[in-house]
Amino acid sequence: MTGPEIALRIDLNGNIRELDIGTVRDQQIRIIGRALLDSIQAVDFIRQPTDPDIVILARAHRDWQEPNLHAARAVDELAAPLPHLIQGEVVFAGYTAAGALTGLPHDAAQTIRAACQPR
């Protein structure tokens, strides 16, 4: 038996909330959409040496929101800086080669948590 499929939501203050997104796509979209209070949009992907990769999800309607500097720091720690800042709250989740959402790899979740700690 495997553990829960955990994604991480990061707000503008760097607060992290775990989301158990399960394994059913409709349920995953609903849970993430509720966490972001909007329709969701993939804003970037971070390729990993092993499956799963990481997808960064944000609100579809986020233009008026402040940049999420904590999420940007997490992306910088996981890979390379994004060519753009992500606005508003975000969710980091796993993304398989087959195109399915899944939980974050444990090491990636630890990196994201560390990047959001106060400095």
PDB file of N, CA and C in Angstrom:
ATOM      1  N   MET A   1       0.847  -1.189   0.000  1.00  0.00           N
ATOM      2  CA  MET A   1       0.000   0.000   0.000  1.00  0.00           C
ATOM      3  C   MET A   1       0.883   1.240   0.000  1.00  0.00           C
ATOM      4  N   THR A   2       0.567   2.190  -0.835  1.00  0.00           N
ATOM      5  CA  THR A   2       1.330   3.430  -0.909  1.00  0.00           C
ATOM      6  C   THR A   2       0.665   4.498  -0.055  1.00  0.00           C
ATOM      7  N   GLY A   3       1.429   5.546   0.241  1.00  0.00           N
ATOM      8  CA  GLY A   3       0.913   6.644   1.057  1.00  0.00           C
ATOM      9  C   GLY A   3       0.061   7.584   0.238  1.00  0.00           C
ATOM     10  N   PRO A   4      -0.360   8.664   0.866  1.00  0.00           N
ATOM     11  CA  PRO A   4      -1.196   9.645   0.156  1.00  0.00           C
ATOM     12  C   PRO A   4      -0.415  10.334  -0.966  1.00  0.00           C
ATOM     13  N   GLU A   5      -1.147  10.807  -1.945  1.00  0.00           N
ATOM     14  CA  GLU A   5      -0.576  11.565  -3.061  1.00  0.00           C
ATOM     15  C   GLU A   5      -0.588  13.032  -2.650  1.00  0.00           C
ATOM     16  N   ILE A   6       0.551  13.548  -2.208  1.00  0.00           N
ATOM     17  CA  ILE A   6       0.621  14.884  -1.625  1.00  0.00           C
ATOM     18  C   ILE A   6       1.134  15.910  -2.637  1.00  0.00           C
ATOM     19  N   ALA A   7       0.384  16.996  -2.765  1.00  0.00           N
ATOM     20  CA  ALA A   7       0.815  18.195  -3.488  1.00  0.00           C
ATOM     21  C   ALA A   7       0.964  19.291  -2.432  1.00  0.00           C
ATOM     22  N   LEU A   8       1.733  20.329  -2.740  1.00  0.00           N
ATOM     23  CA  LEU A   8       1.943  21.415  -1.783  1.00  0.00           C
ATOM     24  C   LEU A   8       1.435  22.733  -2.351  1.00  0.00           C
ATOM     25  N   ARG A   9       0.576  23.401  -1.573  1.00  0.00           N
ATOM     26  CA  ARG A   9       0.075  24.735  -1.917  1.00  0.00           C
ATOM     27  C   ARG A   9       0.905  25.757  -1.154  1.00  0.00           C
ATOM     28  N   ILE A  10       1.407  26.765  -1.871  1.00  0.00           N
ATOM     29  CA  ILE A  10       2.211  27.822  -1.250  1.00  0.00           C
ATOM     30  C   ILE A  10       1.501  29.146  -1.465  1.00  0.00           C
ATOM     31  N   ASP A  11       1.208  29.844  -0.351  1.00  0.00           N
ATOM     32  CA  ASP A  11       0.571  31.150  -0.483  1.00  0.00           C
ATOM     33  C   ASP A  11       1.629  32.247  -0.572  1.00  0.00           C
ATOM     34  N   LEU A  12       1.191  33.480  -0.673  1.00  0.00           N
ATOM     35  CA  LEU A  12       2.122  34.598  -0.866  1.00  0.00           C
ATOM     36  C   LEU A  12       3.018  34.861   0.343  1.00  0.00           C
ATOM     37  N   ASN A  13       2.615  34.379   1.514  1.00  0.00           N
ATOM     38  CA  ASN A  13       3.433  34.550   2.717  1.00  0.00           C
ATOM     39  C   ASN A  13       4.398  33.395   2.932  1.00  0.00           C
ATOM     40  N   GLY A  14       4.385  32.414   2.040  1.00  0.00           N
ATOM     41  CA  GLY A  14       5.251  31.256   2.179  1.00  0.00           C
ATOM     42  C   GLY A  14       4.660  30.139   3.013  1.00  0.00           C
ATOM     43  N   ASN A  15       3.404  30.296   3.421  1.00  0.00           N
ATOM     44  CA  ASN A  15       2.740  29.223   4.174  1.00  0.00           C
ATOM     45  C   ASN A  15       2.452  28.066   3.240  1.00  0.00           C
ATOM     46  N   ILE A  16       2.691  26.862   3.746  1.00  0.00           N
ATOM     47  CA  ILE A  16       2.503  25.649   2.956  1.00  0.00           C
ATOM     48  C   ILE A  16       1.340  24.847   3.522  1.00  0.00           C
ATOM     49  N   ARG A  17       0.509  24.361   2.623  1.00  0.00           N
ATOM     50  CA  ARG A  17      -0.573  23.462   3.011  1.00  0.00           C
ATOM     51  C   ARG A  17      -0.478  22.206   2.157  1.00  0.00           C
ATOM     52  N   GLU A  18      -0.499  21.058   2.819  1.00  0.00           N
ATOM     53  CA  GLU A  18      -0.491  19.783   2.106  1.00  0.00           C
ATOM     54  C   GLU A  18      -1.880  19.498   1.560  1.00  0.00           C
ATOM     55  N   LEU A  19      -1.906  19.006   0.335  1.00  0.00           N
ATOM     56  CA  LEU A  19      -3.155  18.583  -0.290  1.00  0.00           C
ATOM     57  C   LEU A  19      -3.032  17.114  -0.658  1.00  0.00           C
ATOM     58  N   ASP A  20      -3.919  16.278  -0.156  1.00  0.00           N
ATOM     59  CA  ASP A  20      -3.957  14.884  -0.580  1.00  0.00           C
ATOM     60  C   ASP A  20      -4.834  14.854  -1.825  1.00  0.00           C
ATOM     61  N   ILE A  21      -4.193  14.769  -2.993  1.00  0.00           N
ATOM     62  CA  ILE A  21      -4.926  14.895  -4.250  1.00  0.00           C
ATOM     63  C   ILE A  21      -5.475  13.562  -4.759  1.00  0.00           C
ATOM     64  N   GLY A  22      -5.144  12.457  -4.100  1.00  0.00           N
ATOM     65  CA  GLY A  22      -5.664  11.164  -4.531  1.00  0.00           C
ATOM     66  C   GLY A  22      -5.136  10.755  -5.891  1.00  0.00           C
ATOM     67  N   THR A  23      -5.845   9.844  -6.533  1.00  0.00           N
ATOM     68  CA  THR A  23      -5.379   9.295  -7.814  1.00  0.00           C
ATOM     69  C   THR A  23      -6.377   9.459  -8.953  1.00  0.00           C
ATOM     70  N   VAL A  24      -7.552   9.996  -8.666  1.00  0.00           N
ATOM     71  CA  VAL A  24      -8.590  10.161  -9.687  1.00  0.00           C
ATOM     72  C   VAL A  24      -8.509  11.583 -10.249  1.00  0.00           C
ATOM     73  N   ARG A  25      -8.310  11.695 -11.562  1.00  0.00           N
ATOM     74  CA  ARG A  25      -8.060  12.999 -12.193  1.00  0.00           C
ATOM     75  C   ARG A  25      -9.129  14.046 -11.858  1.00  0.00           C
ATOM     76  N   ASP A  26     -10.406  13.711 -11.976  1.00  0.00           N
ATOM     77  CA  ASP A  26     -11.460  14.685 -11.676  1.00  0.00           C
ATOM     78  C   ASP A  26     -11.366  15.173 -10.236  1.00  0.00           C
ATOM     79  N   GLN A  27     -11.081  14.254  -9.321  1.00  0.00           N
ATOM     80  CA  GLN A  27     -10.928  14.609  -7.910  1.00  0.00           C
ATOM     81  C   GLN A  27      -9.706  15.517  -7.732  1.00  0.00           C
ATOM     82  N   GLN A  28      -8.606  15.193  -8.396  1.00  0.00           N
ATOM     83  CA  GLN A  28      -7.389  16.002  -8.288  1.00  0.00           C
ATOM     84  C   GLN A  28      -7.636  17.435  -8.736  1.00  0.00           C
ATOM     85  N   ILE A  29      -8.288  17.589  -9.876  1.00  0.00           N
ATOM     86  CA  ILE A  29      -8.579  18.923 -10.414  1.00  0.00           C
ATOM     87  C   ILE A  29      -9.490  19.692  -9.457  1.00  0.00           C
ATOM     88  N   ARG A  30     -10.479  19.026  -8.908  1.00  0.00           N
ATOM     89  CA  ARG A  30     -11.405  19.665  -7.971  1.00  0.00           C
ATOM     90  C   ARG A  30     -10.673  20.118  -6.695  1.00  0.00           C
ATOM     91  N   ILE A  31      -9.831  19.256  -6.136  1.00  0.00           N
ATOM     92  CA  ILE A  31      -9.105  19.586  -4.907  1.00  0.00           C
ATOM     93  C   ILE A  31      -8.158  20.758  -5.135  1.00  0.00           C
ATOM     94  N   ILE A  32      -7.425  20.725  -6.226  1.00  0.00           N
ATOM     95  CA  ILE A  32      -6.470  21.811  -6.508  1.00  0.00           C
ATOM     96  C   ILE A  32      -7.217  23.095  -6.842  1.00  0.00           C
ATOM     97  N   GLY A  33      -8.300  22.999  -7.601  1.00  0.00           N
ATOM     98  CA  GLY A  33      -9.105  24.176  -7.918  1.00  0.00           C
ATOM     99  C   GLY A  33      -9.670  24.838  -6.670  1.00  0.00           C
ATOM    100  N   ARG A  34     -10.124  24.037  -5.725  1.00  0.00           N
ATOM    101  CA  ARG A  34     -10.624  24.593  -4.458  1.00  0.00           C
ATOM    102  C   ARG A  34      -9.496  25.250  -3.672  1.00  0.00           C
ATOM    103  N   ALA A  35      -8.330  24.646  -3.689  1.00  0.00           N
ATOM    104  CA  ALA A  35      -7.192  25.204  -2.948  1.00  0.00           C
ATOM    105  C   ALA A  35      -6.755  26.546  -3.531  1.00  0.00           C
ATOM    106  N   LEU A  36      -6.920  26.710  -4.840  1.00  0.00           N
ATOM    107  CA  LEU A  36      -6.512  27.955  -5.500  1.00  0.00           C
ATOM    108  C   LEU A  36      -7.690  28.912  -5.709  1.00  0.00           C
ATOM    109  N   LEU A  37      -8.901  28.461  -5.411  1.00  0.00           N
ATOM    110  CA  LEU A  37     -10.123  29.269  -5.553  1.00  0.00           C
ATOM    111  C   LEU A  37     -10.358  29.753  -6.977  1.00  0.00           C
ATOM    112  N   ASP A  38     -10.055  28.896  -7.950  1.00  0.00           N
ATOM    113  CA  ASP A  38     -10.213  29.279  -9.353  1.00  0.00           C
ATOM    114  C   ASP A  38      -9.987  28.036 -10.216  1.00  0.00           C
ATOM    115  N   SER A  39     -10.202  28.209 -11.500  1.00  0.00           N
ATOM    116  CA  SER A  39      -9.765  27.199 -12.457  1.00  0.00           C
ATOM    117  C   SER A  39      -8.243  27.174 -12.415  1.00  0.00           C
ATOM    118  N   ILE A  40      -7.663  26.025 -12.717  1.00  0.00           N
ATOM    119  CA  ILE A  40      -6.205  25.929 -12.607  1.00  0.00           C
ATOM    120  C   ILE A  40      -5.541  25.927 -13.974  1.00  0.00           C
ATOM    121  N   GLN A  41      -4.305  26.359 -13.968  1.00  0.00           N
ATOM    122  CA  GLN A  41      -3.513  26.424 -15.190  1.00  0.00           C
ATOM    123  C   GLN A  41      -2.088  25.989 -14.850  1.00  0.00           C
ATOM    124  N   ALA A  42      -1.520  25.126 -15.665  1.00  0.00           N
ATOM    125  CA  ALA A  42      -0.116  24.751 -15.501  1.00  0.00           C
ATOM    126  C   ALA A  42       0.730  25.915 -16.001  1.00  0.00           C
ATOM    127  N   VAL A  43       1.588  26.442 -15.135  1.00  0.00           N
ATOM    128  CA  VAL A  43       2.398  27.585 -15.531  1.00  0.00           C
ATOM    129  C   VAL A  43       3.840  27.202 -15.836  1.00  0.00           C
ATOM    130  N   ASP A  44       4.267  26.043 -15.355  1.00  0.00           N
ATOM    131  CA  ASP A  44       5.606  25.578 -15.703  1.00  0.00           C
ATOM    132  C   ASP A  44       5.799  24.133 -15.280  1.00  0.00           C
ATOM    133  N   PHE A  45       6.826  23.514 -15.850  1.00  0.00           N
ATOM    134  CA  PHE A  45       7.195  22.143 -15.538  1.00  0.00           C
ATOM    135  C   PHE A  45       8.665  22.111 -15.178  1.00  0.00           C
ATOM    136  N   ILE A  46       9.005  21.277 -14.214  1.00  0.00           N
ATOM    137  CA  ILE A  46      10.402  21.076 -13.833  1.00  0.00           C
ATOM    138  C   ILE A  46      10.710  19.610 -14.094  1.00  0.00           C
ATOM    139  N   ARG A  47      11.621  19.380 -15.017  1.00  0.00           N
ATOM    140  CA  ARG A  47      12.001  18.010 -15.368  1.00  0.00           C
ATOM    141  C   ARG A  47      12.894  17.441 -14.283  1.00  0.00           C
ATOM    142  N   GLN A  48      12.657  16.185 -13.936  1.00  0.00           N
ATOM    143  CA  GLN A  48      13.422  15.477 -12.919  1.00  0.00           C
ATOM    144  C   GLN A  48      14.162  14.316 -13.580  1.00  0.00           C
ATOM    145  N   PRO A  49      15.261  13.874 -12.979  1.00  0.00           N
ATOM    146  CA  PRO A  49      15.988  12.742 -13.559  1.00  0.00           C
ATOM    147  C   PRO A  49      15.175  11.449 -13.545  1.00  0.00           C
ATOM    148  N   THR A  50      14.237  11.332 -12.606  1.00  0.00           N
ATOM    149  CA  THR A  50      13.356  10.164 -12.561  1.00  0.00           C
ATOM    150  C   THR A  50      11.913  10.640 -12.509  1.00  0.00           C
ATOM    151  N   ASP A  51      11.005   9.765 -12.892  1.00  0.00           N
ATOM    152  CA  ASP A  51       9.582  10.077 -12.875  1.00  0.00           C
ATOM    153  C   ASP A  51       9.111  10.149 -11.427  1.00  0.00           C
ATOM    154  N   PRO A  52       8.275  11.045 -10.993  1.00  0.00           N
ATOM    155  CA  PRO A  52       7.569  12.027 -11.806  1.00  0.00           C
ATOM    156  C   PRO A  52       8.322  13.355 -11.894  1.00  0.00           C
ATOM    157  N   ASP A  53       7.976  14.111 -12.923  1.00  0.00           N
ATOM    158  CA  ASP A  53       8.426  15.493 -13.024  1.00  0.00           C
ATOM    159  C   ASP A  53       7.564  16.319 -12.083  1.00  0.00           C
ATOM    160  N   ILE A  54       7.767  17.631 -12.080  1.00  0.00           N
ATOM    161  CA  ILE A  54       6.985  18.515 -11.209  1.00  0.00           C
ATOM    162  C   ILE A  54       6.247  19.520 -12.082  1.00  0.00           C
ATOM    163  N   VAL A  55       4.989  19.739 -11.768  1.00  0.00           N
ATOM    164  CA  VAL A  55       4.192  20.749 -12.449  1.00  0.00           C
ATOM    165  C   VAL A  55       3.841  21.827 -11.425  1.00  0.00           C
ATOM    166  N   ILE A  56       3.866  23.067 -11.875  1.00  0.00           N
ATOM    167  CA  ILE A  56       3.476  24.199 -11.037  1.00  0.00           C
ATOM    168  C   ILE A  56       2.144  24.694 -11.574  1.00  0.00           C
ATOM    169  N   LEU A  57       1.143  24.658 -10.703  1.00  0.00           N
ATOM    170  CA  LEU A  57      -0.217  25.042 -11.060  1.00  0.00           C
ATOM    171  C   LEU A  57      -0.583  26.335 -10.352  1.00  0.00           C
ATOM    172  N   ALA A  58      -1.297  27.208 -11.054  1.00  0.00           N
ATOM    173  CA  ALA A  58      -1.733  28.478 -10.475  1.00  0.00           C
ATOM    174  C   ALA A  58      -3.146  28.783 -10.952  1.00  0.00           C
ATOM    175  N   ARG A  59      -3.720  29.826 -10.378  1.00  0.00           N
ATOM    176  CA  ARG A  59      -5.048  30.277 -10.816  1.00  0.00           C
ATOM    177  C   ARG A  59      -4.998  30.690 -12.280  1.00  0.00           C
ATOM    178  N   ALA A  60      -6.059  30.418 -12.977  1.00  0.00           N
ATOM    179  CA  ALA A  60      -6.153  30.874 -14.361  1.00  0.00           C
ATOM    180  C   ALA A  60      -6.257  32.395 -14.420  1.00  0.00           C
ATOM    181  N   HIS A  61      -6.914  33.000 -13.426  1.00  0.00           N
ATOM    182  CA  HIS A  61      -7.133  34.447 -13.386  1.00  0.00           C
ATOM    183  C   HIS A  61      -6.297  35.027 -12.250  1.00  0.00           C
ATOM    184  N   ARG A  62      -5.016  35.272 -12.499  1.00  0.00           N
ATOM    185  CA  ARG A  62      -4.103  35.695 -11.439  1.00  0.00           C
ATOM    186  C   ARG A  62      -3.354  36.994 -11.761  1.00  0.00           C
ATOM    187  N   ASP A  63      -3.677  37.653 -12.852  1.00  0.00           N
ATOM    188  CA  ASP A  63      -2.920  38.823 -13.291  1.00  0.00           C
ATOM    189  C   ASP A  63      -2.850  39.927 -12.247  1.00  0.00           C
ATOM    190  N   TRP A  64      -3.859  40.060 -11.416  1.00  0.00           N
ATOM    191  CA  TRP A  64      -3.913  41.133 -10.420  1.00  0.00           C
ATOM    192  C   TRP A  64      -3.170  40.774  -9.146  1.00  0.00           C
ATOM    193  N   GLN A  65      -2.691  39.542  -9.020  1.00  0.00           N
ATOM    194  CA  GLN A  65      -2.061  39.109  -7.779  1.00  0.00           C
ATOM    195  C   GLN A  65      -0.562  39.427  -7.743  1.00  0.00           C
ATOM    196  N   GLU A  66      -0.045  39.511  -6.521  1.00  0.00           N
ATOM    197  CA  GLU A  66       1.376  39.769  -6.299  1.00  0.00           C
ATOM    198  C   GLU A  66       2.207  38.561  -6.738  1.00  0.00           C
ATOM    199  N   PRO A  67       3.475  38.790  -7.105  1.00  0.00           N
ATOM    200  CA  PRO A  67       4.366  37.660  -7.404  1.00  0.00           C
ATOM    201  C   PRO A  67       4.584  36.807  -6.154  1.00  0.00           C
ATOM    202  N   ASN A  68       4.700  35.513  -6.336  1.00  0.00           N
ATOM    203  CA  ASN A  68       4.930  34.585  -5.237  1.00  0.00           C
ATOM    204  C   ASN A  68       6.439  34.320  -5.159  1.00  0.00           C
ATOM    205  N   LEU A  69       7.122  35.108  -4.353  1.00  0.00           N
ATOM    206  CA  LEU A  69       8.576  35.006  -4.242  1.00  0.00           C
ATOM    207  C   LEU A  69       9.008  33.705  -3.584  1.00  0.00           C
ATOM    208  N   HIS A  70       8.183  33.153  -2.713  1.00  0.00           N
ATOM    209  CA  HIS A  70       8.504  31.874  -2.072  1.00  0.00           C
ATOM    210  C   HIS A  70       8.482  30.743  -3.098  1.00  0.00           C
ATOM    211  N   ALA A  71       7.484  30.750  -3.959  1.00  0.00           N
ATOM    212  CA  ALA A  71       7.420  29.741  -5.017  1.00  0.00           C
ATOM    213  C   ALA A  71       8.604  29.901  -5.973  1.00  0.00           C
ATOM    214  N   ALA A  72       8.963  31.145  -6.266  1.00  0.00           N
ATOM    215  CA  ALA A  72      10.117  31.387  -7.148  1.00  0.00           C
ATOM    216  C   ALA A  72      11.400  30.841  -6.525  1.00  0.00           C
ATOM    217  N   ARG A  73      11.548  31.017  -5.221  1.00  0.00           N
ATOM    218  CA  ARG A  73      12.729  30.484  -4.520  1.00  0.00           C
ATOM    219  C   ARG A  73      12.736  28.959  -4.571  1.00  0.00           C
ATOM    220  N   ALA A  74      11.570  28.349  -4.399  1.00  0.00           N
ATOM    221  CA  ALA A  74      11.471  26.893  -4.463  1.00  0.00           C
ATOM    222  C   ALA A  74      11.848  26.384  -5.853  1.00  0.00           C
ATOM    223  N   VAL A  75      11.374  27.047  -6.895  1.00  0.00           N
ATOM    224  CA  VAL A  75      11.716  26.653  -8.262  1.00  0.00           C
ATOM    225  C   VAL A  75      13.223  26.780  -8.474  1.00  0.00           C
ATOM    226  N   ASP A  76      13.802  27.861  -7.983  1.00  0.00           N
ATOM    227  CA  ASP A  76      15.236  28.071  -8.118  1.00  0.00           C
ATOM    228  C   ASP A  76      16.021  26.946  -7.438  1.00  0.00           C
ATOM    229  N   GLU A  77      15.537  26.476  -6.292  1.00  0.00           N
ATOM    230  CA  GLU A  77      16.199  25.383  -5.573  1.00  0.00           C
ATOM    231  C   GLU A  77      16.026  24.041  -6.295  1.00  0.00           C
ATOM    232  N   LEU A  78      14.904  23.849  -6.957  1.00  0.00           N
ATOM    233  CA  LEU A  78      14.613  22.587  -7.635  1.00  0.00           C
ATOM    234  C   LEU A  78      15.283  22.467  -8.997  1.00  0.00           C
ATOM    235  N   ALA A  79      15.465  23.577  -9.675  1.00  0.00           N
ATOM    236  CA  ALA A  79      15.974  23.525 -11.041  1.00  0.00           C
ATOM    237  C   ALA A  79      16.722  24.807 -11.344  1.00  0.00           C
ATOM    238  N   ALA A  80      16.220  25.521 -12.294  1.00  0.00           N
ATOM    239  CA  ALA A  80      16.792  26.810 -12.674  1.00  0.00           C
ATOM    240  C   ALA A  80      15.702  27.852 -12.522  1.00  0.00           C
ATOM    241  N   PRO A  81      16.081  29.108 -12.425  1.00  0.00           N
ATOM    242  CA  PRO A  81      15.044  30.133 -12.286  1.00  0.00           C
ATOM    243  C   PRO A  81      14.072  30.114 -13.470  1.00  0.00           C
ATOM    244  N   LEU A  82      12.812  30.369 -13.144  1.00  0.00           N
ATOM    245  CA  LEU A  82      11.822  30.515 -14.209  1.00  0.00           C
ATOM    246  C   LEU A  82      12.092  31.810 -14.968  1.00  0.00           C
ATOM    247  N   PRO A  83      11.750  31.860 -16.231  1.00  0.00           N
ATOM    248  CA  PRO A  83      11.935  33.102 -16.990  1.00  0.00           C
ATOM    249  C   PRO A  83      10.918  34.178 -16.611  1.00  0.00           C
ATOM    250  N   HIS A  84       9.989  33.849 -15.711  1.00  0.00           N
ATOM    251  CA  HIS A  84       8.939  34.779 -15.290  1.00  0.00           C
ATOM    252  C   HIS A  84       8.587  34.482 -13.848  1.00  0.00           C
ATOM    253  N   LEU A  85       8.043  35.458 -13.142  1.00  0.00           N
ATOM    254  CA  LEU A  85       7.566  35.222 -11.785  1.00  0.00           C
ATOM    255  C   LEU A  85       6.158  34.654 -11.836  1.00  0.00           C
ATOM    256  N   ILE A  86       5.837  33.824 -10.878  1.00  0.00           N
ATOM    257  CA  ILE A  86       4.502  33.261 -10.770  1.00  0.00           C
ATOM    258  C   ILE A  86       3.700  34.169  -9.844  1.00  0.00           C
ATOM    259  N   GLN A  87       2.532  34.562 -10.286  1.00  0.00           N
ATOM    260  CA  GLN A  87       1.687  35.431  -9.478  1.00  0.00           C
ATOM    261  C   GLN A  87       0.678  34.599  -8.691  1.00  0.00           C
ATOM    262  N   GLY A  88       0.465  34.990  -7.435  1.00  0.00           N
ATOM    263  CA  GLY A  88      -0.555  34.358  -6.609  1.00  0.00           C
ATOM    264  C   GLY A  88      -0.123  33.036  -6.004  1.00  0.00           C
ATOM    265  N   GLU A  89      -1.091  32.377  -5.386  1.00  0.00           N
ATOM    266  CA  GLU A  89      -0.850  31.086  -4.773  1.00  0.00           C
ATOM    267  C   GLU A  89      -0.568  30.047  -5.850  1.00  0.00           C
ATOM    268  N   VAL A  90       0.239  29.060  -5.497  1.00  0.00           N
ATOM    269  CA  VAL A  90       0.564  28.001  -6.444  1.00  0.00           C
ATOM    270  C   VAL A  90       0.472  26.647  -5.756  1.00  0.00           C
ATOM    271  N   VAL A  91       0.364  25.615  -6.577  1.00  0.00           N
ATOM    272  CA  VAL A  91       0.423  24.232  -6.106  1.00  0.00           C
ATOM    273  C   VAL A  91       1.511  23.530  -6.895  1.00  0.00           C
ATOM    274  N   PHE A  92       2.402  22.861  -6.162  1.00  0.00           N
ATOM    275  CA  PHE A  92       3.417  22.004  -6.765  1.00  0.00           C
ATOM    276  C   PHE A  92       2.902  20.577  -6.674  1.00  0.00           C
ATOM    277  N   ALA A  93       2.889  19.854  -7.792  1.00  0.00           N
ATOM    278  CA  ALA A  93       2.436  18.466  -7.817  1.00  0.00           C
ATOM    279  C   ALA A  93       3.365  17.660  -8.713  1.00  0.00           C
ATOM    280  N   GLY A  94       3.280  16.359  -8.607  1.00  0.00           N
ATOM    281  CA  GLY A  94       4.018  15.485  -9.513  1.00  0.00           C
ATOM    282  C   GLY A  94       3.258  15.357 -10.823  1.00  0.00           C
ATOM    283  N   TYR A  95       3.999  15.017 -11.887  1.00  0.00           N
ATOM    284  CA  TYR A  95       3.414  14.902 -13.218  1.00  0.00           C
ATOM    285  C   TYR A  95       4.158  13.775 -13.931  1.00  0.00           C
ATOM    286  N   THR A  96       3.456  12.703 -14.255  1.00  0.00           N
ATOM    287  CA  THR A  96       4.110  11.533 -14.844  1.00  0.00           C
ATOM    288  C   THR A  96       4.351  11.701 -16.345  1.00  0.00           C
ATOM    289  N   ALA A  97       5.194  10.830 -16.890  1.00  0.00           N
ATOM    290  CA  ALA A  97       5.473  10.846 -18.329  1.00  0.00           C
ATOM    291  C   ALA A  97       4.203  10.585 -19.140  1.00  0.00           C
ATOM    292  N   ALA A  98       3.240   9.890 -18.541  1.00  0.00           N
ATOM    293  CA  ALA A  98       1.970   9.609 -19.213  1.00  0.00           C
ATOM    294  C   ALA A  98       0.997  10.790 -19.135  1.00  0.00           C
ATOM    295  N   GLY A  99       1.394  11.877 -18.435  1.00  0.00           N
ATOM    296  CA  GLY A  99       0.554  13.068 -18.359  1.00  0.00           C
ATOM    297  C   GLY A  99      -0.429  13.081 -17.210  1.00  0.00           C
ATOM    298  N   ALA A 100      -0.218  12.255 -16.209  1.00  0.00           N
ATOM    299  CA  ALA A 100      -1.122  12.194 -15.060  1.00  0.00           C
ATOM    300  C   ALA A 100      -0.548  12.952 -13.871  1.00  0.00           C
ATOM    301  N   LEU A 101      -1.427  13.611 -13.120  1.00  0.00           N
ATOM    302  CA  LEU A 101      -1.008  14.238 -11.873  1.00  0.00           C
ATOM    303  C   LEU A 101      -0.762  13.162 -10.835  1.00  0.00           C
ATOM    304  N   THR A 102       0.214  13.408  -9.967  1.00  0.00           N
ATOM    305  CA  THR A 102       0.530  12.491  -8.891  1.00  0.00           C
ATOM    306  C   THR A 102       1.160  13.281  -7.755  1.00  0.00           C
ATOM    307  N   GLY A 103       1.466  12.611  -6.677  1.00  0.00           N
ATOM    308  CA  GLY A 103       2.102  13.281  -5.556  1.00  0.00           C
ATOM    309  C   GLY A 103       3.523  13.698  -5.887  1.00  0.00           C
ATOM    310  N   LEU A 104       4.011  14.660  -5.122  1.00  0.00           N
ATOM    311  CA  LEU A 104       5.399  15.116  -5.289  1.00  0.00           C
ATOM    312  C   LEU A 104       6.363  14.058  -4.798  1.00  0.00           C
ATOM    313  N   PRO A 105       7.512  13.945  -5.449  1.00  0.00           N
ATOM    314  CA  PRO A 105       8.565  13.101  -4.888  1.00  0.00           C
ATOM    315  C   PRO A 105       8.975  13.663  -3.521  1.00  0.00           C
ATOM    316  N   HIS A 106       9.311  12.782  -2.592  1.00  0.00           N
ATOM    317  CA  HIS A 106       9.631  13.183  -1.224  1.00  0.00           C
ATOM    318  C   HIS A 106      10.756  14.218  -1.178  1.00  0.00           C
ATOM    319  N   ASP A 107      11.828  14.006  -1.947  1.00  0.00           N
ATOM    320  CA  ASP A 107      12.954  14.945  -1.913  1.00  0.00           C
ATOM    321  C   ASP A 107      12.558  16.318  -2.452  1.00  0.00           C
ATOM    322  N   ALA A 108      11.699  16.362  -3.464  1.00  0.00           N
ATOM    323  CA  ALA A 108      11.227  17.651  -3.995  1.00  0.00           C
ATOM    324  C   ALA A 108      10.372  18.370  -2.958  1.00  0.00           C
ATOM    325  N   ALA A 109       9.520  17.636  -2.251  1.00  0.00           N
ATOM    326  CA  ALA A 109       8.684  18.245  -1.209  1.00  0.00           C
ATOM    327  C   ALA A 109       9.557  18.839  -0.104  1.00  0.00           C
ATOM    328  N   GLN A 110      10.620  18.141   0.277  1.00  0.00           N
ATOM    329  CA  GLN A 110      11.536  18.659   1.296  1.00  0.00           C
ATOM    330  C   GLN A 110      12.220  19.936   0.814  1.00  0.00           C
ATOM    331  N   THR A 111      12.635  19.963  -0.439  1.00  0.00           N
ATOM    332  CA  THR A 111      13.285  21.148  -1.011  1.00  0.00           C
ATOM    333  C   THR A 111      12.331  22.333  -1.018  1.00  0.00           C
ATOM    334  N   ILE A 112      11.088  22.111  -1.393  1.00  0.00           N
ATOM    335  CA  ILE A 112      10.090  23.180  -1.431  1.00  0.00           C
ATOM    336  C   ILE A 112       9.846  23.721  -0.022  1.00  0.00           C
ATOM    337  N   ARG A 113       9.694  22.832   0.937  1.00  0.00           N
ATOM    338  CA  ARG A 113       9.475  23.251   2.331  1.00  0.00           C
ATOM    339  C   ARG A 113      10.645  24.100   2.834  1.00  0.00           C
ATOM    340  N   ALA A 114      11.864  23.660   2.552  1.00  0.00           N
ATOM    341  CA  ALA A 114      13.056  24.392   3.009  1.00  0.00           C
ATOM    342  C   ALA A 114      13.131  25.770   2.349  1.00  0.00           C
ATOM    343  N   ALA A 115      12.773  25.859   1.079  1.00  0.00           N
ATOM    344  CA  ALA A 115      12.843  27.133   0.354  1.00  0.00           C
ATOM    345  C   ALA A 115      11.839  28.152   0.890  1.00  0.00           C
ATOM    346  N   CYS A 116      10.761  27.678   1.497  1.00  0.00           N
ATOM    347  CA  CYS A 116       9.726  28.581   2.005  1.00  0.00           C
ATOM    348  C   CYS A 116       9.935  28.976   3.462  1.00  0.00           C
ATOM    349  N   GLN A 117      10.963  28.448   4.104  1.00  0.00           N
ATOM    350  CA  GLN A 117      11.256  28.810   5.490  1.00  0.00           C
ATOM    351  C   GLN A 117      11.752  30.267   5.546  1.00  0.00           C
ATOM    352  N   PRO A 118      11.409  30.971   6.609  1.00  0.00           N
ATOM    353  CA  PRO A 118      11.915  32.353   6.752  1.00  0.00           C
ATOM    354  C   PRO A 118      13.442  32.372   6.750  1.00  0.00           C
ATOM    355  N   ARG A 119      13.979  33.393   6.132  1.00  0.00           N
ATOM    356  CA  ARG A 119      15.444  33.517   6.057  1.00  0.00           C
ATOM    357  C   ARG A 119      15.909  34.646   6.911  1.00  0.00           C
TER     358      ARG A 119
END
